[in-house]
Amino acid sequence: MNRWIIILVLIAALFLVGCQGDDDEPQARPWTLTRIWPHGSKPIPAPIGDRVLFLQEESPAGLYLLHDGTAVQVNPTGPVARSDYAWSSDGLRFAFSSPGVPGTGDAGIYVASVSSPTSHQKIWDRGSDPCFLMGNEGLLYAGPEDGSDSEGLWQYSFSSESRLRLAPQGVAPSLAPDGLKIAYLIPGDRFGRIIVVLDRQSAARDTLPGTVLRYAWLGDSQTIIQEQGVEGVQELYSISFPAAFAPTLIAPGTFPAGLAGQDFVFAGFVGDQIAGLFTASPQTAPVQITAIGTLPAPSGPDRILAQDSLGLFELTR
C-alpha cells in the first residue's frame, strides 16, 4: 500500500512540474529574425496587418509603404516627409509632416490612406509630430516652436475639420493605449525635455520629474519609460503616475517602445556601443533577444520591426 502511495505522489509531482513548464513557455519562446527590406530606416508597422512605413535614403529617397514584399514611394513628387510618420489605430491611414517655413510651400501635416497612399490631404500648413486619436476622432500634433499663436499642442477633428489648442507649449504628443491620456514634451534643460501628461476626461495635467530625450507608454496606460541622458550616458527609467516617487532606473538603453502590459523593447548597450535589442519591464531584468538592431517598433507583443546596417528586419515569436 505504501508503495502505491509513493508512486501516486511521484506522478502528481511530475504532472505539476509539467504544468509549471507550460505556464512559463510563452515567456521562453524564441524570437525569429526575418529580413524584410535591404535598406531603409525607421520602420513603423501598422497596428493591424503587415504594412510598414519607412524612410529610404537611397535614390529615389523618400517615405515608402512596404506591403507583401513590395515597397511603394508615397511621396514621389513631394512633399518631403519628416521621420514623424504615424498610423491610425485601424492601420488604414497614416500621417506625416513636411518641413519648411510655416504657412509656405509644402510645410505642414498630411494624411493619406493605404488604398491611395500617394494622394495626401493637407490638414495644416505648419506643424509636426502627428499622432492619431482612437477611431475616426482626429489627430494630435505640435505647432512650430516659434513663440507664435500656432505654437503648442493641437487637436484636429476629422468630422468638423476644426483645430483645438490643448497646450501653449508642447511637442511629440503620444496617446496612451487606453486613449484617455496624452503625454507630450515641454522645454526642460540642456539634458532634455519634461513630460506632461494630460487627462482627457478631467483636463488635469501631471508634470513628471526628470528631463528626457525620449519616452514611451507601457500597455497599462499608467507607466511611462523615460530615456534620460546625462553627460553622454543614456539610461531608461520607469515612472507611474500620479507621480508620487522619483523615476526608477531599469538599465542603460535607448529608443524604448511598449510591447504589451508592462513589457517593452529597447536598444541596449555594452559599454558605449549598441548591443542589439532587449526586452524588460519595471519588475523584470532586461533579456537580450537579438545581438543586432536599433530603433525597435513593435506591432503587438509578438512582432517587432527594427533596422541595422543591412536594412530592415522583423522579429516574431
Protein backbone atom coordinates (compact mmCIF):
# COMPACT_ATOMS: atom_id res chain seq x y z
CA MET A 1 0.00 0.00 0.00
CA ASN A 2 2.77 2.43 0.89
CA ARG A 3 4.45 1.68 -2.44
CA TRP A 4 1.32 2.70 -4.38
CA ILE A 5 1.00 5.92 -2.39
CA ILE A 6 4.61 6.80 -3.21
CA ILE A 7 4.02 6.12 -6.93
CA LEU A 8 0.90 8.30 -6.97
CA VAL A 9 2.77 11.13 -5.24
CA LEU A 10 5.58 10.93 -7.83
CA ILE A 11 3.08 11.01 -10.71
CA ALA A 12 1.35 14.06 -9.21
CA ALA A 13 4.68 15.83 -8.78
CA LEU A 14 5.63 15.16 -12.40
CA PHE A 15 2.23 16.48 -13.52
CA LEU A 16 2.71 19.70 -11.52
CA VAL A 17 6.19 20.24 -12.96
CA GLY A 18 4.78 19.80 -16.46
CA CYS A 19 2.04 22.34 -15.79
CA GLN A 20 4.55 24.86 -14.47
CA GLY A 21 6.67 24.37 -17.58
CA ASP A 22 3.62 25.08 -19.76
CA ASP A 23 2.93 28.29 -17.82
CA ASP A 24 6.47 29.53 -18.41
CA GLU A 25 6.61 28.52 -22.06
CA PRO A 26 5.17 31.73 -23.64
CA GLN A 27 7.90 33.80 -21.94
CA ALA A 28 10.59 31.41 -23.16
CA ARG A 29 9.52 31.33 -26.82
CA PRO A 30 12.44 32.29 -29.07
CA TRP A 31 12.29 35.20 -31.48
CA THR A 32 12.75 34.52 -35.20
CA LEU A 33 14.52 37.13 -37.34
CA THR A 34 13.41 37.73 -40.94
CA ARG A 35 14.91 40.25 -43.35
CA ILE A 36 12.13 42.29 -44.98
CA TRP A 37 13.92 45.03 -46.98
CA PRO A 38 17.58 45.53 -47.95
CA HIS A 39 17.84 49.21 -46.97
CA GLY A 40 15.93 51.99 -45.24
CA SER A 41 15.45 53.30 -41.74
CA LYS A 42 12.87 53.80 -39.01
CA PRO A 43 10.35 51.07 -39.90
CA ILE A 44 6.95 51.71 -38.31
CA PRO A 45 4.49 48.78 -38.60
CA ALA A 46 0.76 49.28 -38.87
CA PRO A 47 -1.05 48.17 -35.68
CA ILE A 48 -3.18 45.83 -37.81
CA GLY A 49 -1.92 43.89 -40.82
CA ASP A 50 1.61 43.66 -42.18
CA ARG A 51 2.13 47.10 -43.76
CA VAL A 52 5.23 49.06 -42.81
CA LEU A 53 6.21 52.69 -43.33
CA PHE A 54 9.91 53.51 -43.59
CA LEU A 55 12.33 56.10 -44.92
CA GLN A 56 14.70 55.33 -47.77
CA GLU A 57 17.84 57.40 -48.15
CA GLU A 58 18.94 55.77 -51.42
CA SER A 59 17.61 57.28 -54.64
CA PRO A 60 14.71 57.65 -55.09
CA ALA A 61 14.73 58.83 -51.49
CA GLY A 62 11.52 59.37 -49.58
CA LEU A 63 8.78 57.80 -47.48
CA TYR A 64 7.81 54.26 -48.51
CA LEU A 65 4.95 51.87 -47.80
CA LEU A 66 6.00 48.21 -47.69
CA HIS A 67 3.33 45.55 -48.21
CA ASP A 68 3.50 41.94 -49.45
CA GLY A 69 7.19 42.31 -50.28
CA THR A 70 6.72 45.42 -52.41
CA ALA A 71 7.69 48.95 -51.41
CA VAL A 72 5.89 51.94 -52.95
CA GLN A 73 7.09 55.51 -52.51
CA VAL A 74 4.22 57.56 -51.13
CA ASN A 75 5.73 60.98 -51.94
CA PRO A 76 7.43 60.63 -55.37
CA THR A 77 6.65 64.25 -56.26
CA GLY A 78 6.60 65.62 -52.71
CA PRO A 79 6.12 66.75 -50.10
CA VAL A 80 9.33 65.82 -48.29
CA ALA A 81 8.47 63.71 -45.24
CA ARG A 82 9.93 64.05 -41.77
CA SER A 83 10.58 60.92 -39.73
CA ASP A 84 7.49 61.57 -37.55
CA TYR A 85 5.00 59.45 -39.53
CA ALA A 86 2.31 57.57 -37.63
CA TRP A 87 -0.51 55.07 -38.20
CA SER A 88 -4.19 55.20 -37.37
CA SER A 89 -5.43 52.56 -34.92
CA ASP A 90 -7.07 50.53 -37.72
CA GLY A 91 -3.94 50.60 -39.90
CA LEU A 92 -5.82 52.10 -42.86
CA ARG A 93 -4.43 55.63 -42.73
CA PHE A 94 -1.14 57.30 -41.95
CA ALA A 95 0.04 60.83 -41.25
CA PHE A 96 3.34 62.66 -41.60
CA SER A 97 4.68 66.20 -41.59
CA SER A 98 6.78 68.13 -44.07
CA PRO A 99 9.39 70.69 -43.02
CA GLY A 100 9.53 74.29 -44.16
CA VAL A 101 8.61 77.82 -43.23
CA PRO A 102 5.14 77.74 -41.58
CA GLY A 103 2.41 78.76 -43.99
CA THR A 104 4.54 78.41 -47.12
CA GLY A 105 5.29 75.73 -49.68
CA ASP A 106 4.78 72.11 -48.66
CA ALA A 107 5.22 72.70 -44.91
CA GLY A 108 2.51 71.10 -42.82
CA ILE A 109 0.63 68.00 -41.69
CA TYR A 110 -0.62 65.42 -44.20
CA VAL A 111 -2.91 62.37 -44.03
CA ALA A 112 -3.22 59.58 -46.60
CA SER A 113 -4.89 56.16 -46.87
CA VAL A 114 -3.28 52.83 -47.74
CA SER A 115 -5.75 52.48 -50.62
CA SER A 116 -4.35 55.67 -52.21
CA PRO A 117 -1.01 56.31 -50.50
CA THR A 118 0.25 58.96 -52.94
CA SER A 119 -2.86 61.13 -52.51
CA HIS A 120 -2.36 63.37 -49.47
CA GLN A 121 -4.83 65.55 -47.60
CA LYS A 122 -3.15 68.62 -46.12
CA ILE A 123 -4.51 69.15 -42.61
CA TRP A 124 -2.47 72.23 -41.66
CA ASP A 125 0.15 74.39 -43.35
CA ARG A 126 2.58 74.01 -40.44
CA GLY A 127 3.31 71.67 -37.54
CA SER A 128 4.91 68.28 -36.83
CA ASP A 129 4.61 65.09 -34.76
CA PRO A 130 1.17 63.87 -35.91
CA CYS A 131 -0.48 61.23 -33.72
CA PHE A 132 -3.89 59.64 -34.37
CA LEU A 133 -6.59 59.58 -31.74
CA MET A 134 -8.77 56.49 -31.40
CA GLY A 135 -11.13 55.56 -34.21
CA ASN A 136 -12.08 58.41 -36.53
CA GLU A 137 -11.84 61.11 -33.86
CA GLY A 138 -8.89 63.06 -35.21
CA LEU A 139 -5.22 63.91 -34.87
CA LEU A 140 -2.86 65.34 -32.30
CA TYR A 141 0.12 67.36 -33.48
CA ALA A 142 2.53 70.08 -32.45
CA GLY A 143 2.76 73.58 -33.81
CA PRO A 144 6.07 75.27 -34.61
CA GLU A 145 8.20 76.28 -31.63
CA ASP A 146 8.42 79.90 -32.69
CA GLY A 147 6.53 81.81 -30.00
CA SER A 148 3.59 82.43 -32.33
CA ASP A 149 -0.10 81.69 -31.78
CA SER A 150 0.48 78.44 -33.67
CA GLU A 151 2.88 77.05 -31.07
CA GLY A 152 1.79 74.31 -28.70
CA LEU A 153 -0.21 71.11 -28.75
CA TRP A 154 -3.23 70.87 -31.06
CA GLN A 155 -6.12 68.50 -31.67
CA TYR A 156 -7.74 68.24 -35.09
CA SER A 157 -11.26 66.86 -35.60
CA PHE A 158 -11.89 64.87 -38.78
CA SER A 159 -15.65 65.42 -38.56
CA SER A 160 -15.68 69.21 -38.06
CA GLU A 161 -12.28 69.90 -39.70
CA SER A 162 -11.50 72.24 -36.80
CA ARG A 163 -8.49 72.67 -34.51
CA LEU A 164 -8.43 72.95 -30.73
CA ARG A 165 -5.36 74.18 -28.88
CA LEU A 166 -4.67 71.87 -25.93
CA ALA A 167 -1.50 73.49 -24.57
CA PRO A 168 0.51 76.66 -25.32
CA GLN A 169 3.72 74.60 -25.48
CA GLY A 170 4.38 71.01 -26.44
CA VAL A 171 5.89 68.61 -28.96
CA ALA A 172 5.96 64.84 -29.52
CA PRO A 173 2.40 64.04 -28.35
CA SER A 174 1.64 60.39 -27.65
CA LEU A 175 -1.75 58.87 -26.84
CA ALA A 176 -1.91 56.33 -24.02
CA PRO A 177 -3.02 52.84 -25.12
CA ASP A 178 -6.40 53.33 -23.40
CA GLY A 179 -6.94 56.59 -25.31
CA LEU A 180 -7.67 58.56 -22.12
CA LYS A 181 -4.35 60.36 -21.60
CA ILE A 182 -1.96 62.38 -23.75
CA ALA A 183 1.72 62.74 -22.96
CA TYR A 184 3.82 65.45 -24.55
CA LEU A 185 7.13 67.24 -24.07
CA ILE A 186 7.77 70.81 -22.99
CA PRO A 187 11.12 72.67 -22.76
CA GLY A 188 13.43 71.45 -19.98
CA ASP A 189 17.18 71.94 -19.72
CA ARG A 190 20.30 71.01 -21.65
CA PHE A 191 19.80 67.35 -20.72
CA GLY A 192 16.33 67.05 -22.26
CA ARG A 193 12.67 67.96 -22.05
CA ILE A 194 9.95 67.47 -19.44
CA ILE A 195 6.99 65.11 -19.83
CA VAL A 196 3.48 66.40 -19.15
CA VAL A 197 0.51 64.01 -19.01
CA LEU A 198 -2.93 65.42 -19.84
CA ASP A 199 -6.02 63.55 -18.64
CA ARG A 200 -8.57 63.88 -21.45
CA GLN A 201 -11.54 63.42 -19.13
CA SER A 202 -10.64 65.74 -16.24
CA ALA A 203 -8.24 68.06 -18.12
CA ALA A 204 -5.81 67.63 -15.19
CA ARG A 205 -2.12 67.82 -16.04
CA ASP A 206 0.64 65.86 -14.32
CA THR A 207 4.23 67.06 -14.82
CA LEU A 208 6.63 64.14 -14.40
CA PRO A 209 10.04 64.51 -12.72
CA GLY A 210 13.20 64.19 -14.75
CA THR A 211 14.34 65.54 -18.11
CA VAL A 212 14.15 63.12 -21.02
CA LEU A 213 15.36 62.54 -24.55
CA ARG A 214 12.56 60.13 -25.47
CA TYR A 215 9.71 58.33 -23.79
CA ALA A 216 7.23 55.51 -24.38
CA TRP A 217 3.88 54.48 -22.89
CA LEU A 218 3.52 50.99 -21.49
CA GLY A 219 0.39 48.97 -22.12
CA ASP A 220 -1.12 49.63 -18.69
CA SER A 221 -1.55 53.35 -19.60
CA GLN A 222 -0.19 54.19 -16.14
CA THR A 223 3.53 53.77 -16.69
CA ILE A 224 5.99 55.62 -18.91
CA ILE A 225 9.53 54.62 -19.78
CA GLN A 226 11.83 57.65 -19.82
CA GLU A 227 15.12 57.80 -21.70
CA GLN A 228 17.40 60.14 -19.81
CA GLY A 229 20.85 61.24 -20.95
CA VAL A 230 23.32 62.89 -18.61
CA GLU A 231 26.88 63.57 -19.75
CA GLY A 232 26.59 61.15 -22.65
CA VAL A 233 25.11 58.23 -20.69
CA GLN A 234 21.67 57.08 -21.85
CA GLU A 235 19.57 55.22 -19.27
CA LEU A 236 15.98 54.02 -19.10
CA TYR A 237 13.75 54.75 -16.11
CA SER A 238 10.16 53.83 -15.31
CA ILE A 239 7.66 56.13 -13.68
CA SER A 240 3.97 55.64 -12.87
CA PHE A 241 1.51 58.39 -12.09
CA PRO A 242 0.24 60.18 -10.31
CA ALA A 243 4.00 60.58 -9.89
CA ALA A 244 4.46 60.09 -6.15
CA PHE A 245 8.03 58.79 -6.46
CA ALA A 246 11.15 59.56 -8.49
CA PRO A 247 11.77 57.57 -11.69
CA THR A 248 13.28 54.11 -11.14
CA LEU A 249 16.38 53.09 -13.08
CA ILE A 250 15.98 49.98 -15.23
CA ALA A 251 19.07 49.76 -17.45
CA PRO A 252 21.29 51.63 -19.90
CA GLY A 253 19.46 51.87 -23.21
CA THR A 254 17.79 53.93 -25.89
CA PHE A 255 14.67 54.00 -28.10
CA PRO A 256 12.17 52.35 -25.70
CA ALA A 257 8.86 51.10 -27.13
CA GLY A 258 5.98 49.39 -25.35
CA LEU A 259 5.15 45.77 -26.17
CA ALA A 260 2.17 44.70 -24.03
CA GLY A 261 1.22 45.13 -20.41
CA GLN A 262 4.36 46.39 -18.70
CA ASP A 263 6.79 44.80 -21.15
CA PHE A 264 8.83 46.94 -23.51
CA VAL A 265 11.67 46.61 -26.00
CA PHE A 266 14.73 48.82 -26.39
CA ALA A 267 18.21 49.03 -27.89
CA GLY A 268 20.72 48.14 -25.19
CA PHE A 269 24.35 48.98 -24.63
CA VAL A 270 27.55 47.14 -23.85
CA GLY A 271 29.90 49.92 -22.83
CA ASP A 272 29.09 52.78 -25.19
CA GLN A 273 28.12 50.55 -28.14
CA ILE A 274 24.59 49.43 -29.07
CA ALA A 275 24.43 45.69 -28.45
CA GLY A 276 21.14 44.72 -30.06
CA LEU A 277 17.59 44.57 -28.75
CA PHE A 278 16.39 43.73 -25.24
CA THR A 279 13.04 43.27 -23.56
CA ALA A 280 12.29 44.22 -19.97
CA SER A 281 9.62 45.53 -17.61
CA PRO A 282 9.74 47.69 -14.49
CA GLN A 283 9.68 44.43 -12.48
CA THR A 284 12.00 42.22 -14.56
CA ALA A 285 15.62 42.46 -15.65
CA PRO A 286 16.46 43.03 -19.34
CA VAL A 287 16.73 39.99 -21.60
CA GLN A 288 18.62 40.21 -24.88
CA ILE A 289 16.54 38.98 -27.83
CA THR A 290 18.96 39.77 -30.67
CA ALA A 291 22.57 40.94 -30.91
CA ILE A 292 21.78 43.40 -33.73
CA GLY A 293 19.38 46.22 -34.44
CA THR A 294 18.14 49.54 -33.19
CA LEU A 295 15.02 51.73 -33.40
CA PRO A 296 12.64 48.89 -32.42
CA ALA A 297 8.97 49.40 -33.29
CA PRO A 298 6.53 46.74 -32.02
CA SER A 299 3.24 45.69 -33.54
CA GLY A 300 1.70 43.78 -30.68
CA PRO A 301 3.57 41.62 -28.16
CA ASP A 302 4.93 39.13 -30.70
CA ARG A 303 6.18 41.27 -33.58
CA ILE A 304 8.95 43.87 -33.62
CA LEU A 305 10.39 45.79 -36.56
CA ALA A 306 13.92 47.20 -36.40
CA GLN A 307 16.86 48.25 -38.54
CA ASP A 308 20.59 47.63 -38.83
CA SER A 309 23.32 48.24 -41.41
CA LEU A 310 21.82 45.58 -43.71
CA GLY A 311 18.33 47.09 -43.83
CA LEU A 312 15.02 46.35 -42.16
CA PHE A 313 14.17 43.18 -40.30
CA GLU A 314 11.29 41.66 -38.38
CA LEU A 315 11.32 39.69 -35.14
CA THR A 316 8.40 37.35 -34.50
CA ARG A 317 7.58 34.65 -31.98
